[in-house]
Amino acid sequence: FVFYNPITTAVFKYPVFIQRVDYAP
């Protein structure tokens, strides 16, 4: 649980589970 002031502070989230990317050739 993260409490913050949205005027001066922000919270950004990154997933840490495996990501799979199929790139165009």
PDB file of all heavy atoms in Angstrom:
ATOM      1  N   PHE A   1       0.854  -1.192   0.000  1.00  0.00           N
ATOM      2  CA  PHE A   1       0.000   0.000   0.000  1.00  0.00           C
ATOM      3  C   PHE A   1       0.888   1.240   0.000  1.00  0.00           C
ATOM      4  O   PHE A   1       1.716   1.425   0.902  1.00  0.00           O
ATOM      5  CB  PHE A   1      -0.923   0.014   1.221  1.00  0.00           C
ATOM      6  CG  PHE A   1      -1.979  -1.050   1.179  1.00  0.00           C
ATOM      7  CD1 PHE A   1      -1.769  -2.282   1.807  1.00  0.00           C
ATOM      8  CD2 PHE A   1      -3.177  -0.832   0.520  1.00  0.00           C
ATOM      9  CE1 PHE A   1      -2.752  -3.264   1.767  1.00  0.00           C
ATOM     10  CE2 PHE A   1      -4.170  -1.813   0.484  1.00  0.00           C
ATOM     11  CZ  PHE A   1      -3.945  -3.035   1.104  1.00  0.00           C
ATOM     12  N   VAL A   2       0.703   2.061  -0.999  1.00  0.00           N
ATOM     13  CA  VAL A   2       1.541   3.249  -1.144  1.00  0.00           C
ATOM     14  C   VAL A   2       0.648   4.487  -1.095  1.00  0.00           C
ATOM     15  O   VAL A   2      -0.268   4.636  -1.920  1.00  0.00           O
ATOM     16  CB  VAL A   2       2.339   3.218  -2.470  1.00  0.00           C
ATOM     17  CG1 VAL A   2       3.218   4.453  -2.584  1.00  0.00           C
ATOM     18  CG2 VAL A   2       3.162   1.947  -2.558  1.00  0.00           C
ATOM     19  N   PHE A   3       0.895   5.387  -0.127  1.00  0.00           N
ATOM     20  CA  PHE A   3       0.160   6.640   0.005  1.00  0.00           C
ATOM     21  C   PHE A   3       1.031   7.772  -0.545  1.00  0.00           C
ATOM     22  O   PHE A   3       2.242   7.831  -0.270  1.00  0.00           O
ATOM     23  CB  PHE A   3      -0.196   6.905   1.461  1.00  0.00           C
ATOM     24  CG  PHE A   3      -1.115   5.877   2.052  1.00  0.00           C
ATOM     25  CD1 PHE A   3      -0.600   4.745   2.690  1.00  0.00           C
ATOM     26  CD2 PHE A   3      -2.498   6.021   1.966  1.00  0.00           C
ATOM     27  CE1 PHE A   3      -1.450   3.791   3.228  1.00  0.00           C
ATOM     28  CE2 PHE A   3      -3.346   5.075   2.507  1.00  0.00           C
ATOM     29  CZ  PHE A   3      -2.825   3.952   3.129  1.00  0.00           C
ATOM     30  N   TYR A   4       0.428   8.669  -1.294  1.00  0.00           N
ATOM     31  CA  TYR A   4       1.202   9.752  -1.889  1.00  0.00           C
ATOM     32  C   TYR A   4       0.302  10.935  -2.212  1.00  0.00           C
ATOM     33  O   TYR A   4      -0.929  10.812  -2.303  1.00  0.00           O
ATOM     34  CB  TYR A   4       1.901   9.260  -3.154  1.00  0.00           C
ATOM     35  CG  TYR A   4       0.961   8.859  -4.269  1.00  0.00           C
ATOM     36  CD1 TYR A   4       0.673   9.739  -5.306  1.00  0.00           C
ATOM     37  CD2 TYR A   4       0.349   7.605  -4.275  1.00  0.00           C
ATOM     38  CE1 TYR A   4      -0.200   9.381  -6.324  1.00  0.00           C
ATOM     39  CE2 TYR A   4      -0.518   7.236  -5.283  1.00  0.00           C
ATOM     40  CZ  TYR A   4      -0.793   8.127  -6.307  1.00  0.00           C
ATOM     41  OH  TYR A   4      -1.663   7.767  -7.308  1.00  0.00           O
ATOM     42  N   ASN A   5       0.947  12.053  -2.378  1.00  0.00           N
ATOM     43  CA  ASN A   5       0.261  13.275  -2.758  1.00  0.00           C
ATOM     44  C   ASN A   5       0.313  13.389  -4.279  1.00  0.00           C
ATOM     45  O   ASN A   5       1.395  13.579  -4.846  1.00  0.00           O
ATOM     46  CB  ASN A   5       0.949  14.485  -2.107  1.00  0.00           C
ATOM     47  CG  ASN A   5       0.252  15.791  -2.437  1.00  0.00           C
ATOM     48  OD1 ASN A   5      -0.586  15.883  -3.343  1.00  0.00           O
ATOM     49  ND2 ASN A   5       0.600  16.837  -1.692  1.00  0.00           N
ATOM     50  N   PRO A   6      -0.812  13.277  -4.968  1.00  0.00           N
ATOM     51  CA  PRO A   6      -0.798  13.262  -6.432  1.00  0.00           C
ATOM     52  C   PRO A   6      -0.390  14.584  -7.059  1.00  0.00           C
ATOM     53  O   PRO A   6      -0.077  14.642  -8.243  1.00  0.00           O
ATOM     54  CB  PRO A   6      -2.240  12.902  -6.793  1.00  0.00           C
ATOM     55  CG  PRO A   6      -3.041  13.381  -5.629  1.00  0.00           C
ATOM     56  CD  PRO A   6      -2.178  13.175  -4.423  1.00  0.00           C
ATOM     57  N   ILE A   7      -0.382  15.659  -6.258  1.00  0.00           N
ATOM     58  CA  ILE A   7       0.019  16.953  -6.813  1.00  0.00           C
ATOM     59  C   ILE A   7       1.528  17.035  -6.962  1.00  0.00           C
ATOM     60  O   ILE A   7       2.044  17.506  -7.973  1.00  0.00           O
ATOM     61  CB  ILE A   7      -0.498  18.094  -5.909  1.00  0.00           C
ATOM     62  CG1 ILE A   7      -2.028  18.082  -5.869  1.00  0.00           C
ATOM     63  CG2 ILE A   7       0.011  19.449  -6.400  1.00  0.00           C
ATOM     64  CD1 ILE A   7      -2.610  19.127  -4.937  1.00  0.00           C
ATOM     65  N   THR A   8       2.248  16.511  -5.978  1.00  0.00           N
ATOM     66  CA  THR A   8       3.702  16.626  -5.988  1.00  0.00           C
ATOM     67  C   THR A   8       4.425  15.299  -6.236  1.00  0.00           C
ATOM     68  O   THR A   8       5.622  15.293  -6.487  1.00  0.00           O
ATOM     69  CB  THR A   8       4.180  17.182  -4.636  1.00  0.00           C
ATOM     70  OG1 THR A   8       3.782  16.285  -3.584  1.00  0.00           O
ATOM     71  CG2 THR A   8       3.599  18.562  -4.391  1.00  0.00           C
ATOM     72  N   THR A   9       3.674  14.205  -6.135  1.00  0.00           N
ATOM     73  CA  THR A   9       4.308  12.880  -6.205  1.00  0.00           C
ATOM     74  C   THR A   9       3.523  11.986  -7.164  1.00  0.00           C
ATOM     75  O   THR A   9       2.314  12.156  -7.346  1.00  0.00           O
ATOM     76  CB  THR A   9       4.357  12.219  -4.810  1.00  0.00           C
ATOM     77  OG1 THR A   9       4.924  13.144  -3.880  1.00  0.00           O
ATOM     78  CG2 THR A   9       5.185  10.948  -4.831  1.00  0.00           C
ATOM     79  N   ALA A  10       4.227  11.029  -7.755  1.00  0.00           N
ATOM     80  CA  ALA A  10       3.582  10.051  -8.644  1.00  0.00           C
ATOM     81  C   ALA A  10       4.181   8.674  -8.393  1.00  0.00           C
ATOM     82  O   ALA A  10       5.301   8.549  -7.880  1.00  0.00           O
ATOM     83  CB  ALA A  10       3.756  10.458 -10.101  1.00  0.00           C
ATOM     84  N   VAL A  11       3.425   7.662  -8.741  1.00  0.00           N
ATOM     85  CA  VAL A  11       3.886   6.268  -8.612  1.00  0.00           C
ATOM     86  C   VAL A  11       3.756   5.592  -9.966  1.00  0.00           C
ATOM     87  O   VAL A  11       2.662   5.570 -10.555  1.00  0.00           O
ATOM     88  CB  VAL A  11       3.081   5.506  -7.546  1.00  0.00           C
ATOM     89  CG1 VAL A  11       3.529   4.043  -7.497  1.00  0.00           C
ATOM     90  CG2 VAL A  11       3.235   6.158  -6.181  1.00  0.00           C
ATOM     91  N   PHE A  12       4.855   5.067 -10.452  1.00  0.00           N
ATOM     92  CA  PHE A  12       4.877   4.354 -11.735  1.00  0.00           C
ATOM     93  C   PHE A  12       5.121   2.874 -11.453  1.00  0.00           C
ATOM     94  O   PHE A  12       5.912   2.533 -10.571  1.00  0.00           O
ATOM     95  CB  PHE A  12       5.991   4.919 -12.621  1.00  0.00           C
ATOM     96  CG  PHE A  12       5.908   4.485 -14.056  1.00  0.00           C
ATOM     97  CD1 PHE A  12       5.181   5.226 -14.979  1.00  0.00           C
ATOM     98  CD2 PHE A  12       6.546   3.340 -14.491  1.00  0.00           C
ATOM     99  CE1 PHE A  12       5.097   4.843 -16.298  1.00  0.00           C
ATOM    100  CE2 PHE A  12       6.465   2.936 -15.807  1.00  0.00           C
ATOM    101  CZ  PHE A  12       5.740   3.688 -16.719  1.00  0.00           C
ATOM    102  N   LYS A  13       4.460   1.997 -12.211  1.00  0.00           N
ATOM    103  CA  LYS A  13       4.573   0.557 -11.953  1.00  0.00           C
ATOM    104  C   LYS A  13       5.173  -0.165 -13.166  1.00  0.00           C
ATOM    105  O   LYS A  13       4.829   0.133 -14.307  1.00  0.00           O
ATOM    106  CB  LYS A  13       3.201  -0.043 -11.652  1.00  0.00           C
ATOM    107  CG  LYS A  13       2.528   0.535 -10.411  1.00  0.00           C
ATOM    108  CD  LYS A  13       1.158  -0.090 -10.211  1.00  0.00           C
ATOM    109  CE  LYS A  13       0.438   0.540  -9.030  1.00  0.00           C
ATOM    110  NZ  LYS A  13      -0.917  -0.055  -8.823  1.00  0.00           N
ATOM    111  N   TYR A  14       6.064  -1.110 -12.853  1.00  0.00           N
ATOM    112  CA  TYR A  14       6.630  -1.997 -13.866  1.00  0.00           C
ATOM    113  C   TYR A  14       6.267  -3.443 -13.527  1.00  0.00           C
ATOM    114  O   TYR A  14       6.460  -3.870 -12.388  1.00  0.00           O
ATOM    115  CB  TYR A  14       8.156  -1.907 -13.903  1.00  0.00           C
ATOM    116  CG  TYR A  14       8.722  -0.745 -14.680  1.00  0.00           C
ATOM    117  CD1 TYR A  14       9.753   0.020 -14.145  1.00  0.00           C
ATOM    118  CD2 TYR A  14       8.255  -0.448 -15.962  1.00  0.00           C
ATOM    119  CE1 TYR A  14      10.294   1.072 -14.861  1.00  0.00           C
ATOM    120  CE2 TYR A  14       8.790   0.605 -16.676  1.00  0.00           C
ATOM    121  CZ  TYR A  14       9.809   1.356 -16.123  1.00  0.00           C
ATOM    122  OH  TYR A  14      10.337   2.401 -16.837  1.00  0.00           O
ATOM    123  N   PRO A  15       5.794  -4.231 -14.483  1.00  0.00           N
ATOM    124  CA  PRO A  15       5.630  -5.673 -14.219  1.00  0.00           C
ATOM    125  C   PRO A  15       7.000  -6.351 -14.170  1.00  0.00           C
ATOM    126  O   PRO A  15       7.920  -5.983 -14.916  1.00  0.00           O
ATOM    127  CB  PRO A  15       4.818  -6.169 -15.414  1.00  0.00           C
ATOM    128  CG  PRO A  15       5.125  -5.191 -16.507  1.00  0.00           C
ATOM    129  CD  PRO A  15       5.346  -3.871 -15.844  1.00  0.00           C
ATOM    130  N   VAL A  16       7.151  -7.312 -13.277  1.00  0.00           N
ATOM    131  CA  VAL A  16       8.430  -8.012 -13.149  1.00  0.00           C
ATOM    132  C   VAL A  16       8.305  -9.487 -13.552  1.00  0.00           C
ATOM    133  O   VAL A  16       9.243 -10.254 -13.349  1.00  0.00           O
ATOM    134  CB  VAL A  16       8.986  -7.895 -11.713  1.00  0.00           C
ATOM    135  CG1 VAL A  16       9.429  -6.475 -11.434  1.00  0.00           C
ATOM    136  CG2 VAL A  16       7.971  -8.377 -10.686  1.00  0.00           C
ATOM    137  N   PHE A  17       7.155  -9.867 -14.087  1.00  0.00           N
ATOM    138  CA  PHE A  17       7.035 -11.230 -14.620  1.00  0.00           C
ATOM    139  C   PHE A  17       7.529 -11.237 -16.071  1.00  0.00           C
ATOM    140  O   PHE A  17       7.785 -10.178 -16.669  1.00  0.00           O
ATOM    141  CB  PHE A  17       5.596 -11.750 -14.522  1.00  0.00           C
ATOM    142  CG  PHE A  17       4.563 -10.804 -15.069  1.00  0.00           C
ATOM    143  CD1 PHE A  17       4.218 -10.805 -16.410  1.00  0.00           C
ATOM    144  CD2 PHE A  17       3.918  -9.892 -14.221  1.00  0.00           C
ATOM    145  CE1 PHE A  17       3.267  -9.949 -16.917  1.00  0.00           C
ATOM    146  CE2 PHE A  17       2.954  -9.027 -14.714  1.00  0.00           C
ATOM    147  CZ  PHE A  17       2.630  -9.042 -16.061  1.00  0.00           C
ATOM    148  N   ILE A  18       7.682 -12.421 -16.654  1.00  0.00           N
ATOM    149  CA  ILE A  18       8.297 -12.568 -17.970  1.00  0.00           C
ATOM    150  C   ILE A  18       7.423 -11.932 -19.050  1.00  0.00           C
ATOM    151  O   ILE A  18       6.219 -12.178 -19.119  1.00  0.00           O
ATOM    152  CB  ILE A  18       8.554 -14.053 -18.292  1.00  0.00           C
ATOM    153  CG1 ILE A  18       9.642 -14.610 -17.349  1.00  0.00           C
ATOM    154  CG2 ILE A  18       8.991 -14.238 -19.748  1.00  0.00           C
ATOM    155  CD1 ILE A  18       9.921 -16.070 -17.531  1.00  0.00           C
ATOM    156  N   GLN A  19       8.056 -11.121 -19.877  1.00  0.00           N
ATOM    157  CA  GLN A  19       7.411 -10.482 -21.020  1.00  0.00           C
ATOM    158  C   GLN A  19       7.890 -11.168 -22.300  1.00  0.00           C
ATOM    159  O   GLN A  19       9.058 -11.542 -22.406  1.00  0.00           O
ATOM    160  CB  GLN A  19       7.762  -8.992 -21.082  1.00  0.00           C
ATOM    161  CG  GLN A  19       7.520  -8.242 -19.781  1.00  0.00           C
ATOM    162  CD  GLN A  19       6.049  -8.136 -19.456  1.00  0.00           C
ATOM    163  OE1 GLN A  19       5.249  -7.712 -20.292  1.00  0.00           O
ATOM    164  NE2 GLN A  19       5.675  -8.515 -18.239  1.00  0.00           N
ATOM    165  N   ARG A  20       7.004 -11.320 -23.245  1.00  0.00           N
ATOM    166  CA  ARG A  20       7.348 -11.981 -24.509  1.00  0.00           C
ATOM    167  C   ARG A  20       7.019 -11.032 -25.661  1.00  0.00           C
ATOM    168  O   ARG A  20       5.891 -10.535 -25.757  1.00  0.00           O
ATOM    169  CB  ARG A  20       6.589 -13.293 -24.657  1.00  0.00           C
ATOM    170  CG  ARG A  20       7.008 -14.128 -25.868  1.00  0.00           C
ATOM    171  CD  ARG A  20       6.230 -15.438 -25.877  1.00  0.00           C
ATOM    172  NE  ARG A  20       6.606 -16.282 -26.986  1.00  0.00           N
ATOM    173  CZ  ARG A  20       7.623 -17.115 -26.982  1.00  0.00           C
ATOM    174  NH1 ARG A  20       8.374 -17.217 -25.901  1.00  0.00           N
ATOM    175  NH2 ARG A  20       7.903 -17.862 -28.029  1.00  0.00           N
ATOM    176  N   VAL A  21       8.008 -10.816 -26.537  1.00  0.00           N
ATOM    177  CA  VAL A  21       7.839  -9.874 -27.642  1.00  0.00           C
ATOM    178  C   VAL A  21       8.181 -10.577 -28.950  1.00  0.00           C
ATOM    179  O   VAL A  21       9.269 -11.147 -29.097  1.00  0.00           O
ATOM    180  CB  VAL A  21       8.755  -8.646 -27.479  1.00  0.00           C
ATOM    181  CG1 VAL A  21       8.400  -7.578 -28.514  1.00  0.00           C
ATOM    182  CG2 VAL A  21       8.673  -8.090 -26.073  1.00  0.00           C
ATOM    183  N   ASP A  22       7.242 -10.532 -29.893  1.00  0.00           N
ATOM    184  CA  ASP A  22       7.459 -11.085 -31.236  1.00  0.00           C
ATOM    185  C   ASP A  22       7.670  -9.909 -32.188  1.00  0.00           C
ATOM    186  O   ASP A  22       6.725  -9.225 -32.573  1.00  0.00           O
ATOM    187  CB  ASP A  22       6.254 -11.926 -31.666  1.00  0.00           C
ATOM    188  CG  ASP A  22       6.499 -12.680 -32.964  1.00  0.00           C
ATOM    189  OD1 ASP A  22       7.562 -12.467 -33.589  1.00  0.00           O
ATOM    190  OD2 ASP A  22       5.624 -13.475 -33.361  1.00  0.00           O
ATOM    191  N   TYR A  23       8.920  -9.665 -32.538  1.00  0.00           N
ATOM    192  CA  TYR A  23       9.244  -8.502 -33.361  1.00  0.00           C
ATOM    193  C   TYR A  23       8.955  -8.766 -34.840  1.00  0.00           C
ATOM    194  O   TYR A  23       8.989  -9.910 -35.303  1.00  0.00           O
ATOM    195  CB  TYR A  23      10.723  -8.142 -33.203  1.00  0.00           C
ATOM    196  CG  TYR A  23      11.056  -7.513 -31.871  1.00  0.00           C
ATOM    197  CD1 TYR A  23      11.572  -8.281 -30.825  1.00  0.00           C
ATOM    198  CD2 TYR A  23      10.846  -6.164 -31.653  1.00  0.00           C
ATOM    199  CE1 TYR A  23      11.871  -7.706 -29.599  1.00  0.00           C
ATOM    200  CE2 TYR A  23      11.140  -5.576 -30.429  1.00  0.00           C
ATOM    201  CZ  TYR A  23      11.656  -6.352 -29.404  1.00  0.00           C
ATOM    202  OH  TYR A  23      11.940  -5.785 -28.195  1.00  0.00           O
ATOM    203  N   ALA A  24       8.693  -7.688 -35.546  1.00  0.00           N
ATOM    204  CA  ALA A  24       8.536  -7.784 -36.996  1.00  0.00           C
ATOM    205  C   ALA A  24       9.890  -8.106 -37.623  1.00  0.00           C
ATOM    206  O   ALA A  24      10.936  -7.678 -37.116  1.00  0.00           O
ATOM    207  CB  ALA A  24       7.990  -6.476 -37.554  1.00  0.00           C
ATOM    208  N   PRO A  25       9.917  -8.878 -38.703  1.00  0.00           N
ATOM    209  CA  PRO A  25      11.188  -9.243 -39.326  1.00  0.00           C
ATOM    210  C   PRO A  25      11.947  -8.018 -39.838  1.00  0.00           C
ATOM    211  O   PRO A  25      11.352  -7.006 -40.208  1.00  0.00           O
ATOM    212  CB  PRO A  25      10.762 -10.151 -40.488  1.00  0.00           C
ATOM    213  CG  PRO A  25       9.392 -10.633 -40.139  1.00  0.00           C
ATOM    214  CD  PRO A  25       8.760  -9.508 -39.371  1.00  0.00           C
TER     215      PRO A  25
END
